[in-house]
Amino acid sequence: MYCNFLQLKEIACSGSTDSELVLLKLNNMTDDCSKTTSNIPSLTMEVDTAFLRSLRGVLKLAEMGTMFVAFVCFAVASRPKYIAATCMEFVITFSLLLLYTLKLNKKLTLFFWPLIDLLNSLFAAVFILLLSLIAVSTYTVTGTLGGGIVGFIATGLWCVDGYMLFKRVTLNQPRTAATGTVK
């Protein structure tokens, strides 16, 4: 873009009235600019739609959905502590979903992502289970009861996700550096 603007300014300031000369300069300008812009690296990301259709992807989407419903229930009931907890778990699950969908786990090989996902699933299951137990046992508004029941469903989803990850993660086998998975 800058190349075109600067060269057009140069042609306009040259004071040339010959139209063929201007056209020749414009043709040379487009050739020069195409050479300079071809060195710019592409910023495209590869999206793994197969992960979204897999069982783990569907579980992540279901976890996010249940946390959103629980968030809405707690927001209607005006329970700020419950709102913060469900929002936090929603953001963490969304981050892991983006990590796997955009295949960032293969680019960021510093961490063993399945183990981090397993620990998150276990922590989230226990945390939301306790939160749901407290919400159901002390509810005064129906929204709190609804959020607690949806929290129990989310706890079950995180337990299934954690079990699937536990079967996949074995700490006594070496992992490949490129994929971050066990052999």
N, C-alpha and C. Protein backbone atom coordinates (compact mmCIF):
# COMPACT_ATOMS: atom_id res chain seq x y z
N MET A 1 0.82 -1.18 0.00
CA MET A 1 0.00 0.00 0.00
C MET A 1 0.87 1.25 0.00
N TYR A 2 1.89 1.28 0.86
CA TYR A 2 2.77 2.43 0.88
C TYR A 2 3.53 2.56 -0.43
N CYS A 3 3.92 1.43 -0.98
CA CYS A 3 4.65 1.43 -2.24
C CYS A 3 3.80 2.08 -3.32
N ASN A 4 2.55 1.75 -3.43
CA ASN A 4 1.67 2.31 -4.44
C ASN A 4 1.49 3.81 -4.24
N PHE A 5 1.30 4.25 -3.01
CA PHE A 5 1.06 5.65 -2.74
C PHE A 5 2.29 6.49 -3.08
N LEU A 6 3.47 6.03 -2.67
CA LEU A 6 4.68 6.79 -2.94
C LEU A 6 4.97 6.86 -4.43
N GLN A 7 4.77 5.78 -5.15
CA GLN A 7 5.04 5.79 -6.59
C GLN A 7 4.00 6.61 -7.33
N LEU A 8 2.74 6.60 -6.90
CA LEU A 8 1.73 7.44 -7.53
C LEU A 8 2.06 8.92 -7.32
N LYS A 9 2.55 9.24 -6.11
CA LYS A 9 2.93 10.62 -5.82
C LYS A 9 4.09 11.04 -6.72
N GLU A 10 5.03 10.12 -6.93
CA GLU A 10 6.18 10.41 -7.79
C GLU A 10 5.74 10.66 -9.23
N ILE A 11 4.80 9.87 -9.72
CA ILE A 11 4.29 10.04 -11.09
C ILE A 11 3.54 11.36 -11.20
N ALA A 12 2.75 11.69 -10.20
CA ALA A 12 1.97 12.93 -10.25
C ALA A 12 2.86 14.16 -10.18
N CYS A 13 3.94 14.08 -9.42
CA CYS A 13 4.83 15.22 -9.27
C CYS A 13 5.80 15.38 -10.43
N SER A 14 5.92 14.35 -11.27
CA SER A 14 6.88 14.44 -12.38
C SER A 14 6.42 15.41 -13.45
N GLY A 15 5.15 15.73 -13.49
CA GLY A 15 4.64 16.69 -14.46
C GLY A 15 4.53 16.13 -15.86
N SER A 16 4.61 14.83 -16.00
CA SER A 16 4.53 14.23 -17.33
C SER A 16 3.09 14.26 -17.81
N THR A 17 2.93 14.65 -19.09
CA THR A 17 1.60 14.70 -19.68
C THR A 17 1.40 13.56 -20.67
N ASP A 18 2.42 12.82 -20.94
CA ASP A 18 2.32 11.72 -21.89
C ASP A 18 1.62 10.54 -21.21
N SER A 19 0.43 10.17 -21.68
CA SER A 19 -0.35 9.11 -21.04
C SER A 19 0.30 7.74 -21.17
N GLU A 20 1.00 7.49 -22.27
CA GLU A 20 1.67 6.19 -22.42
C GLU A 20 2.80 6.05 -21.42
N LEU A 21 3.51 7.16 -21.17
CA LEU A 21 4.59 7.13 -20.20
C LEU A 21 4.04 6.89 -18.79
N VAL A 22 2.91 7.49 -18.46
CA VAL A 22 2.28 7.29 -17.15
C VAL A 22 1.84 5.85 -17.00
N LEU A 23 1.22 5.28 -18.05
CA LEU A 23 0.79 3.87 -18.00
C LEU A 23 1.98 2.94 -17.84
N LEU A 24 3.07 3.24 -18.54
CA LEU A 24 4.27 2.41 -18.42
C LEU A 24 4.81 2.47 -16.99
N LYS A 25 4.82 3.65 -16.39
CA LYS A 25 5.28 3.78 -15.01
C LYS A 25 4.36 3.05 -14.04
N LEU A 26 3.05 3.11 -14.30
CA LEU A 26 2.10 2.39 -13.44
C LEU A 26 2.30 0.88 -13.53
N ASN A 27 2.54 0.35 -14.73
CA ASN A 27 2.80 -1.08 -14.88
C ASN A 27 4.06 -1.49 -14.15
N ASN A 28 5.11 -0.69 -14.26
CA ASN A 28 6.35 -0.99 -13.54
C ASN A 28 6.13 -0.92 -12.03
N MET A 29 5.28 0.03 -11.62
CA MET A 29 4.99 0.20 -10.19
C MET A 29 4.33 -1.05 -9.62
N THR A 30 3.36 -1.61 -10.34
CA THR A 30 2.69 -2.81 -9.81
C THR A 30 3.63 -3.99 -9.79
N ASP A 31 4.54 -4.09 -10.75
CA ASP A 31 5.51 -5.18 -10.73
C ASP A 31 6.45 -5.04 -9.54
N ASP A 32 6.93 -3.80 -9.27
CA ASP A 32 7.85 -3.57 -8.15
C ASP A 32 7.16 -3.84 -6.81
N CYS A 33 5.92 -3.41 -6.69
CA CYS A 33 5.21 -3.59 -5.42
C CYS A 33 4.88 -5.05 -5.17
N SER A 34 4.59 -5.82 -6.19
CA SER A 34 4.30 -7.24 -5.98
C SER A 34 5.54 -7.98 -5.51
N LYS A 35 6.72 -7.51 -5.93
CA LYS A 35 7.95 -8.13 -5.47
C LYS A 35 8.21 -7.82 -3.99
N THR A 36 7.88 -6.60 -3.57
CA THR A 36 8.17 -6.22 -2.19
C THR A 36 7.18 -6.81 -1.21
N THR A 37 5.93 -7.01 -1.59
CA THR A 37 4.94 -7.53 -0.65
C THR A 37 4.93 -9.05 -0.57
N SER A 38 5.62 -9.73 -1.46
CA SER A 38 5.61 -11.19 -1.42
C SER A 38 6.47 -11.73 -0.29
N ASN A 39 7.32 -10.91 0.32
CA ASN A 39 8.18 -11.36 1.40
C ASN A 39 7.50 -11.28 2.76
N ILE A 40 6.29 -10.76 2.83
CA ILE A 40 5.58 -10.65 4.10
C ILE A 40 5.06 -12.03 4.50
N PRO A 41 5.37 -12.51 5.71
CA PRO A 41 4.91 -13.84 6.11
C PRO A 41 3.40 -13.88 6.31
N SER A 42 2.85 -15.03 6.08
CA SER A 42 1.42 -15.23 6.24
C SER A 42 1.08 -15.39 7.72
N LEU A 43 -0.01 -14.77 8.15
CA LEU A 43 -0.42 -14.82 9.56
C LEU A 43 -1.66 -15.69 9.75
N THR A 44 -1.78 -16.74 9.00
CA THR A 44 -2.95 -17.61 9.13
C THR A 44 -2.70 -18.64 10.21
N MET A 45 -3.77 -19.03 10.88
CA MET A 45 -3.71 -20.06 11.92
C MET A 45 -4.44 -21.29 11.40
N GLU A 46 -3.93 -22.43 11.73
CA GLU A 46 -4.59 -23.67 11.36
C GLU A 46 -5.62 -24.00 12.44
N VAL A 47 -6.86 -24.25 12.03
CA VAL A 47 -7.94 -24.55 12.96
C VAL A 47 -8.24 -26.04 12.89
N ASP A 48 -8.26 -26.68 14.03
CA ASP A 48 -8.52 -28.11 14.12
C ASP A 48 -10.01 -28.34 14.37
N THR A 49 -10.78 -28.41 13.29
CA THR A 49 -12.22 -28.63 13.44
C THR A 49 -12.51 -30.07 13.86
N ALA A 50 -11.58 -30.97 13.62
CA ALA A 50 -11.78 -32.35 14.06
C ALA A 50 -11.81 -32.44 15.58
N PHE A 51 -11.04 -31.58 16.26
CA PHE A 51 -11.08 -31.59 17.73
C PHE A 51 -12.46 -31.17 18.23
N LEU A 52 -13.04 -30.18 17.59
CA LEU A 52 -14.36 -29.72 18.02
C LEU A 52 -15.43 -30.80 17.85
N ARG A 53 -15.22 -31.71 16.88
CA ARG A 53 -16.19 -32.79 16.65
C ARG A 53 -15.85 -34.04 17.46
N SER A 54 -14.68 -34.07 18.09
CA SER A 54 -14.30 -35.24 18.88
C SER A 54 -15.03 -35.23 20.22
N LEU A 55 -14.94 -36.34 20.94
CA LEU A 55 -15.62 -36.45 22.23
C LEU A 55 -15.07 -35.43 23.23
N ARG A 56 -13.75 -35.25 23.24
CA ARG A 56 -13.16 -34.27 24.15
C ARG A 56 -13.58 -32.85 23.79
N GLY A 57 -13.67 -32.55 22.51
CA GLY A 57 -14.11 -31.22 22.09
C GLY A 57 -15.55 -30.96 22.47
N VAL A 58 -16.39 -31.97 22.28
CA VAL A 58 -17.80 -31.83 22.67
C VAL A 58 -17.92 -31.69 24.18
N LEU A 59 -17.09 -32.41 24.94
CA LEU A 59 -17.09 -32.27 26.40
C LEU A 59 -16.69 -30.86 26.81
N LYS A 60 -15.66 -30.30 26.17
CA LYS A 60 -15.24 -28.93 26.49
C LYS A 60 -16.36 -27.94 26.19
N LEU A 61 -17.02 -28.11 25.05
CA LEU A 61 -18.14 -27.23 24.70
C LEU A 61 -19.29 -27.38 25.69
N ALA A 62 -19.57 -28.62 26.11
CA ALA A 62 -20.64 -28.85 27.08
C ALA A 62 -20.27 -28.26 28.45
N GLU A 63 -19.00 -28.37 28.85
CA GLU A 63 -18.55 -27.76 30.10
C GLU A 63 -18.74 -26.24 30.05
N MET A 64 -18.36 -25.64 28.92
CA MET A 64 -18.55 -24.20 28.78
C MET A 64 -20.03 -23.83 28.80
N GLY A 65 -20.85 -24.64 28.15
CA GLY A 65 -22.29 -24.36 28.13
C GLY A 65 -22.91 -24.44 29.51
N THR A 66 -22.55 -25.46 30.27
CA THR A 66 -23.11 -25.60 31.61
C THR A 66 -22.61 -24.48 32.53
N MET A 67 -21.35 -24.08 32.37
CA MET A 67 -20.85 -22.98 33.19
C MET A 67 -21.53 -21.67 32.82
N PHE A 68 -21.85 -21.49 31.55
CA PHE A 68 -22.57 -20.28 31.16
C PHE A 68 -23.97 -20.26 31.75
N VAL A 69 -24.65 -21.41 31.71
CA VAL A 69 -26.00 -21.49 32.29
C VAL A 69 -25.93 -21.25 33.80
N ALA A 70 -24.95 -21.85 34.46
CA ALA A 70 -24.80 -21.63 35.91
C ALA A 70 -24.49 -20.16 36.19
N PHE A 71 -23.66 -19.55 35.36
CA PHE A 71 -23.35 -18.13 35.49
C PHE A 71 -24.62 -17.28 35.41
N VAL A 72 -25.46 -17.58 34.42
CA VAL A 72 -26.71 -16.83 34.26
C VAL A 72 -27.62 -17.04 35.47
N CYS A 73 -27.73 -18.28 35.94
CA CYS A 73 -28.57 -18.55 37.12
C CYS A 73 -28.08 -17.79 38.35
N PHE A 74 -26.77 -17.81 38.57
CA PHE A 74 -26.23 -17.11 39.73
C PHE A 74 -26.33 -15.59 39.56
N ALA A 75 -26.24 -15.12 38.33
CA ALA A 75 -26.38 -13.67 38.08
C ALA A 75 -27.81 -13.22 38.35
N VAL A 76 -28.78 -14.05 37.97
CA VAL A 76 -30.18 -13.72 38.25
C VAL A 76 -30.43 -13.70 39.75
N ALA A 77 -29.77 -14.61 40.47
CA ALA A 77 -29.94 -14.69 41.91
C ALA A 77 -29.06 -13.68 42.65
N SER A 78 -28.23 -12.94 41.95
CA SER A 78 -27.33 -11.92 42.52
C SER A 78 -26.40 -12.51 43.57
N ARG A 79 -25.67 -13.54 43.18
CA ARG A 79 -24.68 -14.18 44.05
C ARG A 79 -23.28 -13.93 43.48
N PRO A 80 -22.60 -12.84 43.88
CA PRO A 80 -21.34 -12.47 43.25
C PRO A 80 -20.22 -13.50 43.40
N LYS A 81 -20.16 -14.19 44.54
CA LYS A 81 -19.10 -15.18 44.72
C LYS A 81 -19.28 -16.35 43.76
N TYR A 82 -20.50 -16.78 43.57
CA TYR A 82 -20.78 -17.87 42.64
C TYR A 82 -20.56 -17.41 41.20
N ILE A 83 -20.91 -16.17 40.91
CA ILE A 83 -20.72 -15.63 39.57
C ILE A 83 -19.23 -15.63 39.22
N ALA A 84 -18.39 -15.18 40.13
CA ALA A 84 -16.95 -15.13 39.89
C ALA A 84 -16.36 -16.52 39.65
N ALA A 85 -16.81 -17.50 40.43
CA ALA A 85 -16.28 -18.86 40.29
C ALA A 85 -16.68 -19.48 38.96
N THR A 86 -17.94 -19.32 38.57
CA THR A 86 -18.37 -19.91 37.29
C THR A 86 -17.73 -19.18 36.12
N CYS A 87 -17.57 -17.88 36.24
CA CYS A 87 -16.93 -17.12 35.17
C CYS A 87 -15.46 -17.54 35.02
N MET A 88 -14.78 -17.75 36.14
CA MET A 88 -13.38 -18.18 36.09
C MET A 88 -13.24 -19.54 35.41
N GLU A 89 -14.10 -20.49 35.77
CA GLU A 89 -14.02 -21.81 35.14
C GLU A 89 -14.40 -21.75 33.66
N PHE A 90 -15.32 -20.89 33.31
CA PHE A 90 -15.69 -20.71 31.91
C PHE A 90 -14.49 -20.22 31.10
N VAL A 91 -13.78 -19.23 31.63
CA VAL A 91 -12.63 -18.66 30.93
C VAL A 91 -11.50 -19.68 30.81
N ILE A 92 -11.24 -20.43 31.85
CA ILE A 92 -10.17 -21.43 31.80
C ILE A 92 -10.51 -22.51 30.77
N THR A 93 -11.74 -23.00 30.77
CA THR A 93 -12.15 -24.02 29.81
C THR A 93 -12.11 -23.47 28.39
N PHE A 94 -12.54 -22.23 28.21
CA PHE A 94 -12.49 -21.60 26.89
C PHE A 94 -11.05 -21.47 26.41
N SER A 95 -10.14 -21.13 27.32
CA SER A 95 -8.72 -21.02 26.95
C SER A 95 -8.15 -22.36 26.50
N LEU A 96 -8.48 -23.42 27.21
CA LEU A 96 -8.01 -24.74 26.81
C LEU A 96 -8.63 -25.18 25.49
N LEU A 97 -9.90 -24.84 25.28
CA LEU A 97 -10.55 -25.15 24.01
C LEU A 97 -9.86 -24.42 22.86
N LEU A 98 -9.55 -23.16 23.05
CA LEU A 98 -8.82 -22.41 22.01
C LEU A 98 -7.42 -22.98 21.79
N LEU A 99 -6.76 -23.38 22.86
CA LEU A 99 -5.43 -23.96 22.75
C LEU A 99 -5.44 -25.18 21.85
N TYR A 100 -6.41 -26.07 22.04
CA TYR A 100 -6.47 -27.28 21.23
C TYR A 100 -7.03 -27.01 19.84
N THR A 101 -7.99 -26.10 19.73
CA THR A 101 -8.60 -25.83 18.43
C THR A 101 -7.62 -25.15 17.48
N LEU A 102 -6.83 -24.22 18.00
CA LEU A 102 -5.85 -23.51 17.17
C LEU A 102 -4.51 -24.23 17.10
N LYS A 103 -4.43 -25.39 17.69
CA LYS A 103 -3.22 -26.23 17.72
C LYS A 103 -2.03 -25.51 18.34
N LEU A 104 -2.30 -24.67 19.31
CA LEU A 104 -1.22 -23.98 20.01
C LEU A 104 -0.45 -24.92 20.93
N ASN A 105 -1.09 -26.01 21.32
CA ASN A 105 -0.41 -26.98 22.17
C ASN A 105 0.78 -27.63 21.45
N LYS A 106 0.76 -27.64 20.12
CA LYS A 106 1.88 -28.20 19.36
C LYS A 106 2.98 -27.17 19.15
N LYS A 107 2.65 -25.90 19.29
CA LYS A 107 3.65 -24.84 19.15
C LYS A 107 4.29 -24.49 20.49
N LEU A 108 3.52 -24.60 21.56
CA LEU A 108 4.01 -24.29 22.91
C LEU A 108 4.33 -25.61 23.62
N THR A 109 5.48 -26.16 23.32
CA THR A 109 5.83 -27.49 23.83
C THR A 109 6.52 -27.44 25.19
N LEU A 110 6.60 -26.25 25.77
CA LEU A 110 7.23 -26.14 27.09
C LEU A 110 6.43 -26.89 28.15
N PHE A 111 5.11 -26.91 28.00
CA PHE A 111 4.24 -27.58 28.96
C PHE A 111 3.70 -28.87 28.38
N PHE A 112 3.38 -29.80 29.25
CA PHE A 112 2.70 -31.03 28.86
C PHE A 112 1.20 -30.76 29.03
N TRP A 113 0.57 -30.29 27.96
CA TRP A 113 -0.79 -29.78 28.01
C TRP A 113 -1.83 -30.79 28.47
N PRO A 114 -1.74 -32.06 28.08
CA PRO A 114 -2.74 -33.01 28.61
C PRO A 114 -2.71 -33.11 30.13
N LEU A 115 -1.53 -33.01 30.74
CA LEU A 115 -1.44 -33.06 32.19
C LEU A 115 -2.04 -31.80 32.82
N ILE A 116 -1.78 -30.66 32.21
CA ILE A 116 -2.37 -29.41 32.71
C ILE A 116 -3.89 -29.47 32.59
N ASP A 117 -4.37 -30.00 31.47
CA ASP A 117 -5.81 -30.14 31.27
C ASP A 117 -6.40 -31.12 32.28
N LEU A 118 -5.69 -32.20 32.58
CA LEU A 118 -6.14 -33.17 33.58
C LEU A 118 -6.24 -32.52 34.96
N LEU A 119 -5.21 -31.78 35.35
CA LEU A 119 -5.23 -31.11 36.65
C LEU A 119 -6.36 -30.08 36.71
N ASN A 120 -6.58 -29.36 35.61
CA ASN A 120 -7.68 -28.40 35.58
C ASN A 120 -9.02 -29.12 35.72
N SER A 121 -9.19 -30.25 35.03
CA SER A 121 -10.45 -30.98 35.11
C SER A 121 -10.72 -31.46 36.53
N LEU A 122 -9.69 -31.98 37.18
CA LEU A 122 -9.87 -32.47 38.55
C LEU A 122 -10.14 -31.31 39.51
N PHE A 123 -9.38 -30.23 39.39
CA PHE A 123 -9.59 -29.07 40.26
C PHE A 123 -10.99 -28.48 40.03
N ALA A 124 -11.38 -28.34 38.77
CA ALA A 124 -12.69 -27.75 38.46
C ALA A 124 -13.82 -28.63 38.98
N ALA A 125 -13.66 -29.95 38.85
CA ALA A 125 -14.71 -30.86 39.34
C ALA A 125 -14.90 -30.71 40.84
N VAL A 126 -13.80 -30.69 41.59
CA VAL A 126 -13.90 -30.57 43.05
C VAL A 126 -14.42 -29.19 43.43
N PHE A 127 -13.90 -28.16 42.79
CA PHE A 127 -14.28 -26.78 43.12
C PHE A 127 -15.76 -26.52 42.84
N ILE A 128 -16.22 -26.92 41.67
CA ILE A 128 -17.63 -26.68 41.32
C ILE A 128 -18.55 -27.61 42.11
N LEU A 129 -18.09 -28.82 42.46
CA LEU A 129 -18.89 -29.70 43.32
C LEU A 129 -19.12 -29.04 44.68
N LEU A 130 -18.06 -28.52 45.29
CA LEU A 130 -18.22 -27.85 46.59
C LEU A 130 -19.10 -26.60 46.46
N LEU A 131 -18.88 -25.84 45.40
CA LEU A 131 -19.69 -24.65 45.18
C LEU A 131 -21.16 -25.01 45.00
N SER A 132 -21.43 -26.08 44.25
CA SER A 132 -22.81 -26.49 44.02
C SER A 132 -23.46 -27.02 45.29
N LEU A 133 -22.70 -27.77 46.09
CA LEU A 133 -23.23 -28.25 47.36
C LEU A 133 -23.61 -27.09 48.27
N ILE A 134 -22.76 -26.09 48.34
CA ILE A 134 -23.07 -24.92 49.17
C ILE A 134 -24.26 -24.16 48.60
N ALA A 135 -24.31 -24.02 47.28
CA ALA A 135 -25.40 -23.27 46.65
C ALA A 135 -26.74 -23.96 46.86
N VAL A 136 -26.76 -25.29 46.72
CA VAL A 136 -28.02 -26.03 46.87
C VAL A 136 -28.46 -26.07 48.34
N SER A 137 -27.52 -26.19 49.25
CA SER A 137 -27.90 -26.32 50.66
C SER A 137 -28.28 -24.98 51.30
N THR A 138 -27.83 -23.87 50.74
CA THR A 138 -28.13 -22.58 51.36
C THR A 138 -28.93 -21.65 50.46
N TYR A 139 -29.63 -22.19 49.49
CA TYR A 139 -30.31 -21.30 48.54
C TYR A 139 -31.51 -20.62 49.19
N THR A 140 -31.70 -19.37 48.80
CA THR A 140 -32.90 -18.62 49.20
C THR A 140 -33.64 -18.13 47.96
N VAL A 141 -32.96 -18.13 46.84
CA VAL A 141 -33.53 -17.71 45.56
C VAL A 141 -33.44 -18.91 44.61
N THR A 142 -34.47 -19.08 43.79
CA THR A 142 -34.51 -20.23 42.88
C THR A 142 -33.33 -20.26 41.92
N GLY A 143 -32.80 -19.10 41.54
CA GLY A 143 -31.64 -19.05 40.64
C GLY A 143 -30.42 -19.73 41.23
N THR A 144 -30.26 -19.59 42.53
CA THR A 144 -29.14 -20.26 43.20
C THR A 144 -29.29 -21.77 43.14
N LEU A 145 -30.52 -22.26 43.33
CA LEU A 145 -30.77 -23.70 43.23
C LEU A 145 -30.50 -24.19 41.81
N GLY A 146 -30.97 -23.45 40.82
CA GLY A 146 -30.74 -23.84 39.43
C GLY A 146 -29.27 -23.86 39.08
N GLY A 147 -28.53 -22.84 39.53
CA GLY A 147 -27.09 -22.81 39.28
C GLY A 147 -26.36 -23.96 39.95
N GLY A 148 -26.82 -24.33 41.15
CA GLY A 148 -26.20 -25.46 41.85
C GLY A 148 -26.44 -26.78 41.13
N ILE A 149 -27.66 -26.96 40.62
CA ILE A 149 -27.97 -28.21 39.89
C ILE A 149 -27.18 -28.28 38.59
N VAL A 150 -27.08 -27.17 37.88
CA VAL A 150 -26.28 -27.15 36.65
C VAL A 150 -24.80 -27.36 36.99
N GLY A 151 -24.37 -26.88 38.16
CA GLY A 151 -23.00 -27.13 38.60
C GLY A 151 -22.73 -28.60 38.82
N PHE A 152 -23.72 -29.35 39.32
CA PHE A 152 -23.55 -30.80 39.46
C PHE A 152 -23.37 -31.47 38.10
N ILE A 153 -24.10 -31.00 37.11
CA ILE A 153 -23.95 -31.54 35.75
C ILE A 153 -22.54 -31.24 35.22
N ALA A 154 -22.07 -30.01 35.45
CA ALA A 154 -20.72 -29.64 35.01
C ALA A 154 -19.67 -30.48 35.73
N THR A 155 -19.91 -30.78 37.01
CA THR A 155 -18.98 -31.63 37.76
C THR A 155 -18.87 -33.00 37.11
N GLY A 156 -20.00 -33.57 36.71
CA GLY A 156 -19.98 -34.86 36.02
C GLY A 156 -19.23 -34.78 34.70
N LEU A 157 -19.41 -33.70 33.96
CA LEU A 157 -18.69 -33.55 32.69
C LEU A 157 -17.19 -33.45 32.93
N TRP A 158 -16.77 -32.69 33.95
CA TRP A 158 -15.35 -32.59 34.24
C TRP A 158 -14.77 -33.90 34.74
N CYS A 159 -15.56 -34.71 35.44
CA CYS A 159 -15.08 -36.03 35.87
C CYS A 159 -14.85 -36.94 34.67
N VAL A 160 -15.77 -36.91 33.71
CA VAL A 160 -15.61 -37.72 32.49
C VAL A 160 -14.39 -37.24 31.72
N ASP A 161 -14.23 -35.93 31.58
CA ASP A 161 -13.07 -35.37 30.88
C ASP A 161 -11.78 -35.75 31.58
N GLY A 162 -11.75 -35.66 32.90
CA GLY A 162 -10.57 -36.04 33.66
C GLY A 162 -10.24 -37.52 33.51
N TYR A 163 -11.27 -38.37 33.51
CA TYR A 163 -11.04 -39.80 33.33
C TYR A 163 -10.46 -40.09 31.95
N MET A 164 -11.00 -39.44 30.93
CA MET A 164 -10.47 -39.65 29.57
C MET A 164 -9.02 -39.17 29.47
N LEU A 165 -8.72 -38.05 30.09
CA LEU A 165 -7.34 -37.55 30.06
C LEU A 165 -6.41 -38.43 30.87
N PHE A 166 -6.89 -38.97 32.00
CA PHE A 166 -6.07 -39.85 32.82
C PHE A 166 -5.70 -41.12 32.06
N LYS A 167 -6.63 -41.64 31.27
CA LYS A 167 -6.32 -42.81 30.45
C LYS A 167 -5.27 -42.48 29.40
N ARG A 168 -5.29 -41.24 28.91
CA ARG A 168 -4.37 -40.84 27.85
C ARG A 168 -2.98 -40.49 28.39
N VAL A 169 -2.93 -39.89 29.57
CA VAL A 169 -1.66 -39.43 30.13
C VAL A 169 -1.06 -40.55 30.96
N THR A 170 0.10 -40.99 30.58
CA THR A 170 0.88 -41.92 31.41
C THR A 170 2.24 -41.29 31.61
N LEU A 171 2.64 -41.19 32.83
CA LEU A 171 3.86 -40.46 33.14
C LEU A 171 5.12 -41.29 32.99
N ASN A 172 5.01 -42.58 32.76
CA ASN A 172 6.20 -43.42 32.66
C ASN A 172 6.61 -43.65 31.21
N GLN A 173 5.93 -43.08 30.24
CA GLN A 173 6.30 -43.22 28.84
C GLN A 173 6.84 -41.89 28.32
N PRO A 174 7.87 -41.94 27.47
CA PRO A 174 8.40 -40.67 26.93
C PRO A 174 7.40 -40.08 25.94
N ARG A 175 7.41 -38.76 25.84
CA ARG A 175 6.54 -38.09 24.88
C ARG A 175 7.37 -37.58 23.73
N THR A 176 6.73 -37.42 22.59
CA THR A 176 7.42 -36.87 21.43
C THR A 176 7.46 -35.36 21.56
N ALA A 177 8.54 -34.76 21.12
CA ALA A 177 8.71 -33.30 21.26
C ALA A 177 7.79 -32.54 20.32
N ALA A 178 7.52 -33.09 19.16
CA ALA A 178 6.72 -32.35 18.17
C ALA A 178 5.25 -32.28 18.54
N THR A 179 4.70 -33.35 19.04
CA THR A 179 3.26 -33.37 19.28
C THR A 179 2.88 -33.18 20.74
N GLY A 180 3.78 -33.43 21.65
CA GLY A 180 3.45 -33.30 23.06
C GLY A 180 2.59 -34.44 23.58
N THR A 181 2.50 -35.52 22.83
CA THR A 181 1.70 -36.68 23.25
C THR A 181 2.63 -37.84 23.54
N VAL A 182 2.10 -38.82 24.23
CA VAL A 182 2.90 -40.00 24.55
C VAL A 182 2.96 -40.91 23.35
N LYS A 183 4.06 -41.66 23.25
CA LYS A 183 4.22 -42.60 22.13
C LYS A 183 3.34 -43.81 22.30
